Amino acid sequence: MARKTGLSIATISKFLNGGHVLGPNRSAIEDAIQELGYRVNEAARGLKTNRTLTVGVLIPRLENIFCTSIVAHVENILNQSGYGTIICDYQENPKLEREKLEFLVNKNVDALLYMPLYGEASAVEAILKQEIPVILLDRPIAGLSCDMVLVDNLNASYRAIEELVVRGHRQIGVISGPTSIFTAQERFKGYRRVLEDYAVEFDESLVKYGDYQIDSGFRLMTEFLHQNPRPTAVFVSNYEMTLGAVMAINEAQVKVPTELSLIGFDNLQMAKVVKPTLAIVVQPMELIGETSATLLLKRLRGDREGFPAMFRLKTEFLHGDSITGPSRTP
């Protein structure tokens, strides 16, 4: 390859091992690789450099559009820096979560992006002691000092519920997530805080706890629709449950917003498709991916400035036609 490109072996080796070379040199090497059909021996390179140029990504569910959207943006940035990814999900199973975390470490990944559910501080601390950077996504782990990229979930739900309160709603139902999950806890805190700030009485019958899956959204919205009196408005606190809730409303032929105002979460495509258009809270998935990948690359360069860093990103509320004032007096 040195003869083909006219470059030194040192320059070619630097490029093949993930180092930075000048643009014209990089192009010449890439052309030679293609022409010669050269393939890097990743195992040998990993032994020599103690780097595999891979990042482990551990998420609760591959079926979850929030998780996979973030991963797509992460991969886009990491690929530009020569890193590949090994993506695992643990199906929200605590035993599998521990096993997949260990699996990725044993694969000698250079770093980890980890969206924990039942995560244990001791397990991640052991990884950090091996000088493997770890970025927590969306959820912290209690007692752990670690880089994190979170969303301001409390103010996300506050903004949505406030929109209903100022329109005159007082019987506001919420389909919340599992009480054990940090994001669900924060979104529920936002709901409670709005009620307190506007002196609206809290009613436990207006709160239902789902599991962040479609079926629970369908089931819990059906319960609300059969409740007497039923809420004048409902806030659904995640993507999948929003989809299930809309299915229940359509099956019951309830008119939105004249019979029920509705605010969903993250379901941007569905928000545009359903009629009337759905008011939703939108998380900055692209920004989450970009922020976490950029921070990870910084740590991989050995830059520990600001450790542990915590980014708390803001959501956006998109007005739709699915909300109006209450059709009856509470």
C-alpha atoms as a PDB file:
ATOM      1  CA  MET A   1       0.000   0.000   0.000  1.00  0.00           C
ATOM      2  CA  ALA A   2       2.933   2.329   0.668  1.00  0.00           C
ATOM      3  CA  ARG A   3       4.127   1.800  -2.914  1.00  0.00           C
ATOM      4  CA  LYS A   4       0.620   2.392  -4.256  1.00  0.00           C
ATOM      5  CA  THR A   5       0.036   5.660  -2.378  1.00  0.00           C
ATOM      6  CA  GLY A   6       3.577   6.999  -2.204  1.00  0.00           C
ATOM      7  CA  LEU A   7       3.046   7.582   1.527  1.00  0.00           C
ATOM      8  CA  SER A   8       5.133   6.399   4.448  1.00  0.00           C
ATOM      9  CA  ILE A   9       4.241   3.253   6.353  1.00  0.00           C
ATOM     10  CA  ALA A  10       3.909   5.394   9.483  1.00  0.00           C
ATOM     11  CA  THR A  11       1.231   7.589   7.862  1.00  0.00           C
ATOM     12  CA  ILE A  12      -0.698   4.588   6.573  1.00  0.00           C
ATOM     13  CA  SER A  13      -0.481   2.863   9.947  1.00  0.00           C
ATOM     14  CA  LYS A  14      -1.704   5.991  11.697  1.00  0.00           C
ATOM     15  CA  PHE A  15      -4.766   6.126   9.445  1.00  0.00           C
ATOM     16  CA  LEU A  16      -5.543   2.407   9.811  1.00  0.00           C
ATOM     17  CA  ASN A  17      -5.363   2.716  13.591  1.00  0.00           C
ATOM     18  CA  GLY A  18      -7.889   5.541  13.705  1.00  0.00           C
ATOM     19  CA  GLY A  19      -5.473   8.454  13.805  1.00  0.00           C
ATOM     20  CA  HIS A  20      -5.868  11.781  11.994  1.00  0.00           C
ATOM     21  CA  VAL A  21      -4.086  12.288   8.664  1.00  0.00           C
ATOM     22  CA  LEU A  22      -4.284  15.090   6.128  1.00  0.00           C
ATOM     23  CA  GLY A  23      -7.243  15.074   3.750  1.00  0.00           C
ATOM     24  CA  PRO A  24      -5.305  14.286   0.540  1.00  0.00           C
ATOM     25  CA  ASN A  25      -3.426  11.473   2.301  1.00  0.00           C
ATOM     26  CA  ARG A  26      -6.661  10.063   3.670  1.00  0.00           C
ATOM     27  CA  SER A  27      -8.222  10.058   0.191  1.00  0.00           C
ATOM     28  CA  ALA A  28      -5.166   8.349  -1.309  1.00  0.00           C
ATOM     29  CA  ILE A  29      -5.214   5.638   1.356  1.00  0.00           C
ATOM     30  CA  GLU A  30      -8.966   5.066   1.003  1.00  0.00           C
ATOM     31  CA  ASP A  31      -8.603   4.761  -2.791  1.00  0.00           C
ATOM     32  CA  ALA A  32      -5.773   2.257  -2.382  1.00  0.00           C
ATOM     33  CA  ILE A  33      -7.778   0.227   0.151  1.00  0.00           C
ATOM     34  CA  GLN A  34     -10.655  -0.040  -2.300  1.00  0.00           C
ATOM     35  CA  GLU A  35      -8.467  -0.873  -5.273  1.00  0.00           C
ATOM     36  CA  LEU A  36      -6.399  -3.458  -3.428  1.00  0.00           C
ATOM     37  CA  GLY A  37      -9.337  -4.922  -1.519  1.00  0.00           C
ATOM     38  CA  TYR A  38      -7.442  -4.434   1.730  1.00  0.00           C
ATOM     39  CA  ARG A  39      -9.184  -5.400   4.961  1.00  0.00           C
ATOM     40  CA  VAL A  40      -8.058  -4.319   8.403  1.00  0.00           C
ATOM     41  CA  ASN A  41      -7.503  -7.145  10.865  1.00  0.00           C
ATOM     42  CA  GLU A  42      -9.593  -5.659  13.673  1.00  0.00           C
ATOM     43  CA  ALA A  43      -8.535  -8.257  16.238  1.00  0.00           C
ATOM     44  CA  ALA A  44      -4.828  -7.651  15.581  1.00  0.00           C
ATOM     45  CA  ARG A  45      -5.283  -3.897  15.635  1.00  0.00           C
ATOM     46  CA  GLY A  46      -7.150  -4.128  18.924  1.00  0.00           C
ATOM     47  CA  LEU A  47      -4.285  -6.109  20.468  1.00  0.00           C
ATOM     48  CA  LYS A  48      -1.713  -3.589  19.270  1.00  0.00           C
ATOM     49  CA  THR A  49      -3.531  -0.370  20.149  1.00  0.00           C
ATOM     50  CA  ASN A  50      -5.676  -1.612  23.045  1.00  0.00           C
ATOM     51  CA  ARG A  51      -8.613  -0.052  21.176  1.00  0.00           C
ATOM     52  CA  THR A  52     -11.359  -1.762  19.207  1.00  0.00           C
ATOM     53  CA  LEU A  53     -13.001   1.389  17.816  1.00  0.00           C
ATOM     54  CA  THR A  54     -16.335   0.047  19.016  1.00  0.00           C
ATOM     55  CA  VAL A  55     -18.860   1.565  21.396  1.00  0.00           C
ATOM     56  CA  GLY A  56     -21.344  -0.557  23.298  1.00  0.00           C
ATOM     57  CA  VAL A  57     -24.934   0.675  23.384  1.00  0.00           C
ATOM     58  CA  LEU A  58     -27.340  -0.824  25.916  1.00  0.00           C
ATOM     59  CA  ILE A  59     -31.028   0.138  25.764  1.00  0.00           C
ATOM     60  CA  PRO A  60     -34.232  -1.248  27.335  1.00  0.00           C
ATOM     61  CA  ARG A  61     -35.998  -2.249  24.098  1.00  0.00           C
ATOM     62  CA  LEU A  62     -35.138  -2.170  20.410  1.00  0.00           C
ATOM     63  CA  GLU A  63     -38.870  -1.833  19.705  1.00  0.00           C
ATOM     64  CA  ASN A  64     -38.928   1.498  21.549  1.00  0.00           C
ATOM     65  CA  ILE A  65     -38.864   4.308  18.977  1.00  0.00           C
ATOM     66  CA  PHE A  66     -37.362   6.748  21.489  1.00  0.00           C
ATOM     67  CA  CYS A  67     -34.378   4.453  22.085  1.00  0.00           C
ATOM     68  CA  THR A  68     -33.757   3.561  18.458  1.00  0.00           C
ATOM     69  CA  SER A  69     -34.089   7.170  17.265  1.00  0.00           C
ATOM     70  CA  ILE A  70     -31.371   8.231  19.695  1.00  0.00           C
ATOM     71  CA  VAL A  71     -29.158   5.316  18.664  1.00  0.00           C
ATOM     72  CA  ALA A  72     -29.505   6.293  14.994  1.00  0.00           C
ATOM     73  CA  HIS A  73     -28.240   9.812  15.720  1.00  0.00           C
ATOM     74  CA  VAL A  74     -25.437   8.461  17.923  1.00  0.00           C
ATOM     75  CA  GLU A  75     -24.265   6.084  15.203  1.00  0.00           C
ATOM     76  CA  ASN A  76     -24.215   8.858  12.621  1.00  0.00           C
ATOM     77  CA  ILE A  77     -21.707  10.869  14.663  1.00  0.00           C
ATOM     78  CA  LEU A  78     -19.615   7.934  15.858  1.00  0.00           C
ATOM     79  CA  ASN A  79     -19.273   6.590  12.312  1.00  0.00           C
ATOM     80  CA  GLN A  80     -17.778   9.896  11.215  1.00  0.00           C
ATOM     81  CA  SER A  81     -15.031   9.374  13.795  1.00  0.00           C
ATOM     82  CA  GLY A  82     -14.358   5.790  12.776  1.00  0.00           C
ATOM     83  CA  TYR A  83     -16.281   4.066  15.555  1.00  0.00           C
ATOM     84  CA  GLY A  84     -18.743   1.238  15.130  1.00  0.00           C
ATOM     85  CA  THR A  85     -21.395   0.178  17.625  1.00  0.00           C
ATOM     86  CA  ILE A  86     -22.537  -3.036  19.270  1.00  0.00           C
ATOM     87  CA  ILE A  87     -26.203  -2.530  20.188  1.00  0.00           C
ATOM     88  CA  CYS A  88     -27.924  -4.663  22.804  1.00  0.00           C
ATOM     89  CA  ASP A  89     -31.318  -4.471  24.435  1.00  0.00           C
ATOM     90  CA  TYR A  90     -32.331  -6.146  27.667  1.00  0.00           C
ATOM     91  CA  GLN A  91     -36.124  -6.280  27.262  1.00  0.00           C
ATOM     92  CA  GLU A  92     -36.548  -4.396  30.567  1.00  0.00           C
ATOM     93  CA  ASN A  93     -35.344  -7.503  32.391  1.00  0.00           C
ATOM     94  CA  PRO A  94     -33.005  -6.786  35.337  1.00  0.00           C
ATOM     95  CA  LYS A  95     -31.099 -10.082  35.001  1.00  0.00           C
ATOM     96  CA  LEU A  96     -30.644  -9.577  31.276  1.00  0.00           C
ATOM     97  CA  GLU A  97     -29.603  -5.970  31.878  1.00  0.00           C
ATOM     98  CA  ARG A  98     -26.688  -7.129  34.069  1.00  0.00           C
ATOM     99  CA  GLU A  99     -25.734  -9.872  31.616  1.00  0.00           C
ATOM    100  CA  LYS A 100     -25.746  -7.600  28.561  1.00  0.00           C
ATOM    101  CA  LEU A 101     -23.687  -4.982  30.384  1.00  0.00           C
ATOM    102  CA  GLU A 102     -21.097  -7.645  31.207  1.00  0.00           C
ATOM    103  CA  PHE A 103     -21.283  -8.964  27.630  1.00  0.00           C
ATOM    104  CA  LEU A 104     -20.385  -5.553  26.166  1.00  0.00           C
ATOM    105  CA  VAL A 105     -17.485  -5.056  28.561  1.00  0.00           C
ATOM    106  CA  ASN A 106     -16.171  -8.522  27.669  1.00  0.00           C
ATOM    107  CA  LYS A 107     -16.323  -7.504  24.001  1.00  0.00           C
ATOM    108  CA  ASN A 108     -13.657  -4.912  24.876  1.00  0.00           C
ATOM    109  CA  VAL A 109     -15.708  -1.954  23.752  1.00  0.00           C
ATOM    110  CA  ASP A 110     -13.887   1.361  24.109  1.00  0.00           C
ATOM    111  CA  ALA A 111     -16.869   3.066  25.745  1.00  0.00           C
ATOM    112  CA  LEU A 112     -20.500   2.548  26.721  1.00  0.00           C
ATOM    113  CA  LEU A 113     -23.742   4.409  26.134  1.00  0.00           C
ATOM    114  CA  TYR A 114     -26.206   3.004  28.632  1.00  0.00           C
ATOM    115  CA  MET A 115     -29.903   3.662  29.211  1.00  0.00           C
ATOM    116  CA  PRO A 116     -30.446   1.996  32.600  1.00  0.00           C
ATOM    117  CA  LEU A 117     -33.607   0.717  34.172  1.00  0.00           C
ATOM    118  CA  TYR A 118     -32.483  -1.419  37.101  1.00  0.00           C
ATOM    119  CA  GLY A 119     -28.852  -0.320  36.847  1.00  0.00           C
ATOM    120  CA  GLU A 120     -26.533  -0.859  39.803  1.00  0.00           C
ATOM    121  CA  ALA A 121     -24.006   1.808  40.747  1.00  0.00           C
ATOM    122  CA  SER A 122     -21.387  -0.772  41.743  1.00  0.00           C
ATOM    123  CA  ALA A 123     -21.455  -2.426  38.315  1.00  0.00           C
ATOM    124  CA  VAL A 124     -20.876   0.842  36.466  1.00  0.00           C
ATOM    125  CA  GLU A 125     -18.232   1.993  38.960  1.00  0.00           C
ATOM    126  CA  ALA A 126     -16.289  -1.198  38.208  1.00  0.00           C
ATOM    127  CA  ILE A 127     -16.412  -0.343  34.496  1.00  0.00           C
ATOM    128  CA  LEU A 128     -15.276   3.236  35.085  1.00  0.00           C
ATOM    129  CA  LYS A 129     -12.311   1.943  37.120  1.00  0.00           C
ATOM    130  CA  GLN A 130     -11.199   0.117  33.964  1.00  0.00           C
ATOM    131  CA  GLU A 131     -11.032   3.570  32.323  1.00  0.00           C
ATOM    132  CA  ILE A 132     -13.931   2.726  30.029  1.00  0.00           C
ATOM    133  CA  PRO A 133     -16.034   5.887  29.566  1.00  0.00           C
ATOM    134  CA  VAL A 134     -19.740   5.463  30.341  1.00  0.00           C
ATOM    135  CA  ILE A 135     -22.500   7.903  29.393  1.00  0.00           C
ATOM    136  CA  LEU A 136     -25.901   7.363  30.990  1.00  0.00           C
ATOM    137  CA  LEU A 137     -28.826   8.220  28.723  1.00  0.00           C
ATOM    138  CA  ASP A 138     -32.224   9.453  29.885  1.00  0.00           C
ATOM    139  CA  ARG A 139     -31.983   8.022  33.408  1.00  0.00           C
ATOM    140  CA  PRO A 140     -29.469   8.393  36.257  1.00  0.00           C
ATOM    141  CA  ILE A 141     -28.414   5.632  38.638  1.00  0.00           C
ATOM    142  CA  ALA A 142     -28.753   6.511  42.311  1.00  0.00           C
ATOM    143  CA  GLY A 143     -25.426   7.021  44.068  1.00  0.00           C
ATOM    144  CA  LEU A 144     -23.383   6.937  40.862  1.00  0.00           C
ATOM    145  CA  SER A 145     -21.024   9.735  39.783  1.00  0.00           C
ATOM    146  CA  CYS A 146     -21.138   9.466  36.006  1.00  0.00           C
ATOM    147  CA  ASP A 147     -21.621  11.502  32.823  1.00  0.00           C
ATOM    148  CA  MET A 148     -25.322  11.825  31.975  1.00  0.00           C
ATOM    149  CA  VAL A 149     -27.527  13.185  29.200  1.00  0.00           C
ATOM    150  CA  LEU A 150     -31.063  13.641  30.489  1.00  0.00           C
ATOM    151  CA  VAL A 151     -34.288  15.339  29.448  1.00  0.00           C
ATOM    152  CA  ASP A 152     -36.137  17.881  31.584  1.00  0.00           C
ATOM    153  CA  ASN A 153     -39.090  15.550  32.080  1.00  0.00           C
ATOM    154  CA  LEU A 154     -40.606  17.483  34.975  1.00  0.00           C
ATOM    155  CA  ASN A 155     -41.044  20.674  32.992  1.00  0.00           C
ATOM    156  CA  ALA A 156     -42.105  18.695  29.942  1.00  0.00           C
ATOM    157  CA  SER A 157     -45.205  17.390  31.685  1.00  0.00           C
ATOM    158  CA  TYR A 158     -45.697  20.664  33.581  1.00  0.00           C
ATOM    159  CA  ARG A 159     -45.984  22.559  30.288  1.00  0.00           C
ATOM    160  CA  ALA A 160     -48.505  20.058  28.894  1.00  0.00           C
ATOM    161  CA  ILE A 161     -50.746  19.987  31.972  1.00  0.00           C
ATOM    162  CA  GLU A 162     -50.555  23.751  32.348  1.00  0.00           C
ATOM    163  CA  GLU A 163     -51.912  24.093  28.809  1.00  0.00           C
ATOM    164  CA  LEU A 164     -55.004  22.157  29.900  1.00  0.00           C
ATOM    165  CA  VAL A 165     -55.431  24.030  33.182  1.00  0.00           C
ATOM    166  CA  VAL A 166     -55.352  27.476  31.576  1.00  0.00           C
ATOM    167  CA  ARG A 167     -58.038  26.296  29.154  1.00  0.00           C
ATOM    168  CA  GLY A 168     -60.304  25.594  32.113  1.00  0.00           C
ATOM    169  CA  HIS A 169     -59.779  21.874  32.711  1.00  0.00           C
ATOM    170  CA  ARG A 170     -59.846  20.669  36.295  1.00  0.00           C
ATOM    171  CA  GLN A 171     -60.550  16.945  35.819  1.00  0.00           C
ATOM    172  CA  ILE A 172     -57.297  16.070  34.085  1.00  0.00           C
ATOM    173  CA  GLY A 173     -56.412  12.423  33.784  1.00  0.00           C
ATOM    174  CA  VAL A 174     -52.830  11.254  33.395  1.00  0.00           C
ATOM    175  CA  ILE A 175     -51.564   7.932  32.115  1.00  0.00           C
ATOM    176  CA  SER A 176     -48.237   7.734  33.877  1.00  0.00           C
ATOM    177  CA  GLY A 177     -45.400   5.252  33.540  1.00  0.00           C
ATOM    178  CA  PRO A 178     -44.036   2.713  36.058  1.00  0.00           C
ATOM    179  CA  THR A 179     -43.342   4.298  39.435  1.00  0.00           C
ATOM    180  CA  SER A 180     -39.900   2.659  39.495  1.00  0.00           C
ATOM    181  CA  ILE A 181     -38.672   4.500  36.397  1.00  0.00           C
ATOM    182  CA  PHE A 182     -36.989   7.891  36.777  1.00  0.00           C
ATOM    183  CA  THR A 183     -38.631   9.464  33.715  1.00  0.00           C
ATOM    184  CA  ALA A 184     -42.102   8.441  34.909  1.00  0.00           C
ATOM    185  CA  GLN A 185     -41.390   9.836  38.372  1.00  0.00           C
ATOM    186  CA  GLU A 186     -40.290  13.188  36.933  1.00  0.00           C
ATOM    187  CA  ARG A 187     -43.271  13.486  34.586  1.00  0.00           C
ATOM    188  CA  PHE A 188     -45.654  12.706  37.429  1.00  0.00           C
ATOM    189  CA  LYS A 189     -43.955  15.347  39.596  1.00  0.00           C
ATOM    190  CA  GLY A 190     -44.657  17.869  36.846  1.00  0.00           C
ATOM    191  CA  TYR A 191     -48.345  16.900  36.874  1.00  0.00           C
ATOM    192  CA  ARG A 192     -48.568  17.304  40.659  1.00  0.00           C
ATOM    193  CA  ARG A 193     -46.706  20.604  40.627  1.00  0.00           C
ATOM    194  CA  VAL A 194     -49.091  22.191  38.123  1.00  0.00           C
ATOM    195  CA  LEU A 195     -52.062  21.218  40.247  1.00  0.00           C
ATOM    196  CA  GLU A 196     -50.405  22.728  43.310  1.00  0.00           C
ATOM    197  CA  ASP A 197     -49.414  25.933  41.525  1.00  0.00           C
ATOM    198  CA  TYR A 198     -52.939  26.470  40.183  1.00  0.00           C
ATOM    199  CA  ALA A 199     -54.730  25.268  43.334  1.00  0.00           C
ATOM    200  CA  VAL A 200     -56.389  22.351  41.536  1.00  0.00           C
ATOM    201  CA  GLU A 201     -57.377  19.533  43.869  1.00  0.00           C
ATOM    202  CA  PHE A 202     -55.488  16.291  43.313  1.00  0.00           C
ATOM    203  CA  ASP A 203     -57.743  13.303  42.613  1.00  0.00           C
ATOM    204  CA  GLU A 204     -56.134   9.852  42.755  1.00  0.00           C
ATOM    205  CA  SER A 205     -58.874   8.442  40.507  1.00  0.00           C
ATOM    206  CA  LEU A 206     -57.494  10.587  37.679  1.00  0.00           C
ATOM    207  CA  VAL A 207     -54.093   8.862  37.777  1.00  0.00           C
ATOM    208  CA  LYS A 208     -53.400   5.537  36.081  1.00  0.00           C
ATOM    209  CA  TYR A 209     -50.046   3.770  35.919  1.00  0.00           C
ATOM    210  CA  GLY A 210     -49.013   1.956  32.767  1.00  0.00           C
ATOM    211  CA  ASP A 211     -45.862   0.140  31.706  1.00  0.00           C
ATOM    212  CA  TYR A 212     -44.847   2.377  28.765  1.00  0.00           C
ATOM    213  CA  GLN A 213     -46.261  -0.197  26.305  1.00  0.00           C
ATOM    214  CA  ILE A 214     -49.081   0.122  23.748  1.00  0.00           C
ATOM    215  CA  ASP A 215     -51.405  -2.348  25.470  1.00  0.00           C
ATOM    216  CA  SER A 216     -51.386  -0.431  28.732  1.00  0.00           C
ATOM    217  CA  GLY A 217     -52.161   2.820  26.943  1.00  0.00           C
ATOM    218  CA  PHE A 218     -55.161   1.174  25.303  1.00  0.00           C
ATOM    219  CA  ARG A 219     -56.372  -0.457  28.510  1.00  0.00           C
ATOM    220  CA  LEU A 220     -55.984   2.589  30.745  1.00  0.00           C
ATOM    221  CA  MET A 221     -57.584   4.992  28.288  1.00  0.00           C
ATOM    222  CA  THR A 222     -60.502   2.552  27.992  1.00  0.00           C
ATOM    223  CA  GLU A 223     -60.826   2.668  31.791  1.00  0.00           C
ATOM    224  CA  PHE A 224     -60.897   6.470  31.699  1.00  0.00           C
ATOM    225  CA  LEU A 225     -63.582   6.460  29.010  1.00  0.00           C
ATOM    226  CA  HIS A 226     -65.801   4.243  31.176  1.00  0.00           C
ATOM    227  CA  GLN A 227     -65.125   6.203  34.345  1.00  0.00           C
ATOM    228  CA  ASN A 228     -67.998   8.229  35.815  1.00  0.00           C
ATOM    229  CA  PRO A 229     -67.385  11.083  35.760  1.00  0.00           C
ATOM    230  CA  ARG A 230     -64.644  10.691  33.249  1.00  0.00           C
ATOM    231  CA  PRO A 231     -61.824  13.227  32.802  1.00  0.00           C
ATOM    232  CA  THR A 232     -62.387  16.183  30.513  1.00  0.00           C
ATOM    233  CA  ALA A 233     -58.775  15.864  29.359  1.00  0.00           C
ATOM    234  CA  VAL A 234     -56.030  13.220  29.449  1.00  0.00           C
ATOM    235  CA  PHE A 235     -52.257  13.517  29.241  1.00  0.00           C
ATOM    236  CA  VAL A 236     -50.455  10.354  28.096  1.00  0.00           C
ATOM    237  CA  SER A 237     -46.831  10.322  29.180  1.00  0.00           C
ATOM    238  CA  ASN A 238     -44.951   8.293  26.577  1.00  0.00           C
ATOM    239  CA  TYR A 239     -44.919   7.356  22.881  1.00  0.00           C
ATOM    240  CA  GLU A 240     -46.219   3.790  22.961  1.00  0.00           C
ATOM    241  CA  MET A 241     -48.980   4.488  25.479  1.00  0.00           C
ATOM    242  CA  THR A 242     -50.079   7.454  23.348  1.00  0.00           C
ATOM    243  CA  LEU A 243     -50.562   5.115  20.415  1.00  0.00           C
ATOM    244  CA  GLY A 244     -52.604   2.728  22.548  1.00  0.00           C
ATOM    245  CA  ALA A 245     -54.698   5.579  23.949  1.00  0.00           C
ATOM    246  CA  VAL A 246     -55.556   6.866  20.476  1.00  0.00           C
ATOM    247  CA  MET A 247     -56.590   3.343  19.448  1.00  0.00           C
ATOM    248  CA  ALA A 248     -58.932   3.153  22.462  1.00  0.00           C
ATOM    249  CA  ILE A 249     -60.461   6.550  21.673  1.00  0.00           C
ATOM    250  CA  ASN A 250     -61.054   5.563  18.055  1.00  0.00           C
ATOM    251  CA  GLU A 251     -62.605   2.244  19.057  1.00  0.00           C
ATOM    252  CA  ALA A 252     -64.953   3.992  21.491  1.00  0.00           C
ATOM    253  CA  GLN A 253     -65.771   6.633  18.840  1.00  0.00           C
ATOM    254  CA  VAL A 254     -65.124   9.440  21.310  1.00  0.00           C
ATOM    255  CA  LYS A 255     -64.822  12.814  19.619  1.00  0.00           C
ATOM    256  CA  VAL A 256     -61.598  14.715  20.242  1.00  0.00           C
ATOM    257  CA  PRO A 257     -61.484  17.470  21.440  1.00  0.00           C
ATOM    258  CA  THR A 258     -65.226  18.171  21.878  1.00  0.00           C
ATOM    259  CA  GLU A 259     -65.748  15.171  24.176  1.00  0.00           C
ATOM    260  CA  LEU A 260     -62.200  14.734  25.412  1.00  0.00           C
ATOM    261  CA  SER A 261     -59.037  16.819  25.110  1.00  0.00           C
ATOM    262  CA  LEU A 262     -55.866  14.803  24.585  1.00  0.00           C
ATOM    263  CA  ILE A 263     -52.118  15.453  24.820  1.00  0.00           C
ATOM    264  CA  GLY A 264     -49.645  12.751  23.832  1.00  0.00           C
ATOM    265  CA  PHE A 265     -45.912  12.218  23.996  1.00  0.00           C
ATOM    266  CA  ASP A 266     -43.223  11.943  21.303  1.00  0.00           C
ATOM    267  CA  ASN A 267     -45.481  10.516  18.609  1.00  0.00           C
ATOM    268  CA  LEU A 268     -44.674  13.163  16.012  1.00  0.00           C
ATOM    269  CA  GLN A 269     -45.600  11.085  12.955  1.00  0.00           C
ATOM    270  CA  MET A 270     -48.919  10.000  14.433  1.00  0.00           C
ATOM    271  CA  ALA A 271     -49.583  13.551  15.621  1.00  0.00           C
ATOM    272  CA  LYS A 272     -49.613  14.665  11.994  1.00  0.00           C
ATOM    273  CA  VAL A 273     -51.592  11.667  10.705  1.00  0.00           C
ATOM    274  CA  VAL A 274     -54.499  11.475  13.151  1.00  0.00           C
ATOM    275  CA  LYS A 275     -57.412  13.859  12.878  1.00  0.00           C
ATOM    276  CA  PRO A 276     -57.625  16.200  14.612  1.00  0.00           C
ATOM    277  CA  THR A 277     -53.877  16.740  14.794  1.00  0.00           C
ATOM    278  CA  LEU A 278     -52.531  15.691  18.156  1.00  0.00           C
ATOM    279  CA  ALA A 279     -50.985  18.061  20.699  1.00  0.00           C
ATOM    280  CA  ILE A 280     -47.771  16.436  21.942  1.00  0.00           C
ATOM    281  CA  VAL A 281     -44.653  16.836  24.018  1.00  0.00           C
ATOM    282  CA  VAL A 282     -41.605  16.217  21.822  1.00  0.00           C
ATOM    283  CA  GLN A 283     -38.267  15.112  23.228  1.00  0.00           C
ATOM    284  CA  PRO A 284     -35.114  16.317  21.400  1.00  0.00           C
ATOM    285  CA  MET A 285     -34.012  12.867  20.229  1.00  0.00           C
ATOM    286  CA  GLU A 286     -31.511  14.177  17.692  1.00  0.00           C
ATOM    287  CA  LEU A 287     -29.950  16.500  20.256  1.00  0.00           C
ATOM    288  CA  ILE A 288     -29.786  13.702  22.841  1.00  0.00           C
ATOM    289  CA  GLY A 289     -27.905  11.550  20.345  1.00  0.00           C
ATOM    290  CA  GLU A 290     -25.574  14.353  19.269  1.00  0.00           C
ATOM    291  CA  THR A 291     -24.848  15.477  22.832  1.00  0.00           C
ATOM    292  CA  SER A 292     -24.126  11.997  24.147  1.00  0.00           C
ATOM    293  CA  ALA A 293     -21.966  11.008  21.151  1.00  0.00           C
ATOM    294  CA  THR A 294     -19.976  14.253  21.304  1.00  0.00           C
ATOM    295  CA  LEU A 295     -19.392  13.846  25.033  1.00  0.00           C
ATOM    296  CA  LEU A 296     -18.376  10.233  24.522  1.00  0.00           C
ATOM    297  CA  LEU A 297     -15.816  11.153  21.850  1.00  0.00           C
ATOM    298  CA  LYS A 298     -14.415  13.787  24.210  1.00  0.00           C
ATOM    299  CA  ARG A 299     -13.927  11.149  26.911  1.00  0.00           C
ATOM    300  CA  LEU A 300     -12.376   8.750  24.392  1.00  0.00           C
ATOM    301  CA  ARG A 301      -9.769  11.417  23.622  1.00  0.00           C
ATOM    302  CA  GLY A 302      -8.861  11.351  27.305  1.00  0.00           C
ATOM    303  CA  ASP A 303     -10.468  14.722  28.035  1.00  0.00           C
ATOM    304  CA  ARG A 304     -11.949  14.509  31.539  1.00  0.00           C
ATOM    305  CA  GLU A 305     -12.887  18.175  31.805  1.00  0.00           C
ATOM    306  CA  GLY A 306     -16.133  18.742  33.709  1.00  0.00           C
ATOM    307  CA  PHE A 307     -16.479  15.108  34.833  1.00  0.00           C
ATOM    308  CA  PRO A 308     -19.102  14.100  35.772  1.00  0.00           C
ATOM    309  CA  ALA A 309     -20.986  16.165  33.209  1.00  0.00           C
ATOM    310  CA  MET A 310     -24.775  16.370  33.235  1.00  0.00           C
ATOM    311  CA  PHE A 311     -26.816  17.745  30.367  1.00  0.00           C
ATOM    312  CA  ARG A 312     -30.530  18.290  30.957  1.00  0.00           C
ATOM    313  CA  LEU A 313     -32.167  19.006  27.611  1.00  0.00           C
ATOM    314  CA  LYS A 314     -35.459  20.812  27.094  1.00  0.00           C
ATOM    315  CA  THR A 315     -38.505  19.409  25.349  1.00  0.00           C
ATOM    316  CA  GLU A 316     -40.898  21.190  23.003  1.00  0.00           C
ATOM    317  CA  PHE A 317     -44.682  21.403  23.222  1.00  0.00           C
ATOM    318  CA  LEU A 318     -46.425  21.230  19.852  1.00  0.00           C
ATOM    319  CA  HIS A 319     -49.926  22.622  19.773  1.00  0.00           C
ATOM    320  CA  GLY A 320     -52.445  20.533  17.909  1.00  0.00           C
ATOM    321  CA  ASP A 321     -56.203  20.528  17.445  1.00  0.00           C
ATOM    322  CA  SER A 322     -56.781  17.812  20.060  1.00  0.00           C
ATOM    323  CA  ILE A 323     -57.234  20.255  22.956  1.00  0.00           C
ATOM    324  CA  THR A 324     -59.912  22.785  23.757  1.00  0.00           C
ATOM    325  CA  GLY A 325     -61.802  23.963  26.834  1.00  0.00           C
ATOM    326  CA  PRO A 326     -63.864  21.431  28.816  1.00  0.00           C
ATOM    327  CA  SER A 327     -67.221  20.528  27.290  1.00  0.00           C
ATOM    328  CA  ARG A 328     -68.813  20.354  30.742  1.00  0.00           C
ATOM    329  CA  THR A 329     -68.405  22.017  34.067  1.00  0.00           C
ATOM    330  CA  PRO A 330     -66.532  19.820  36.567  1.00  0.00           C
END
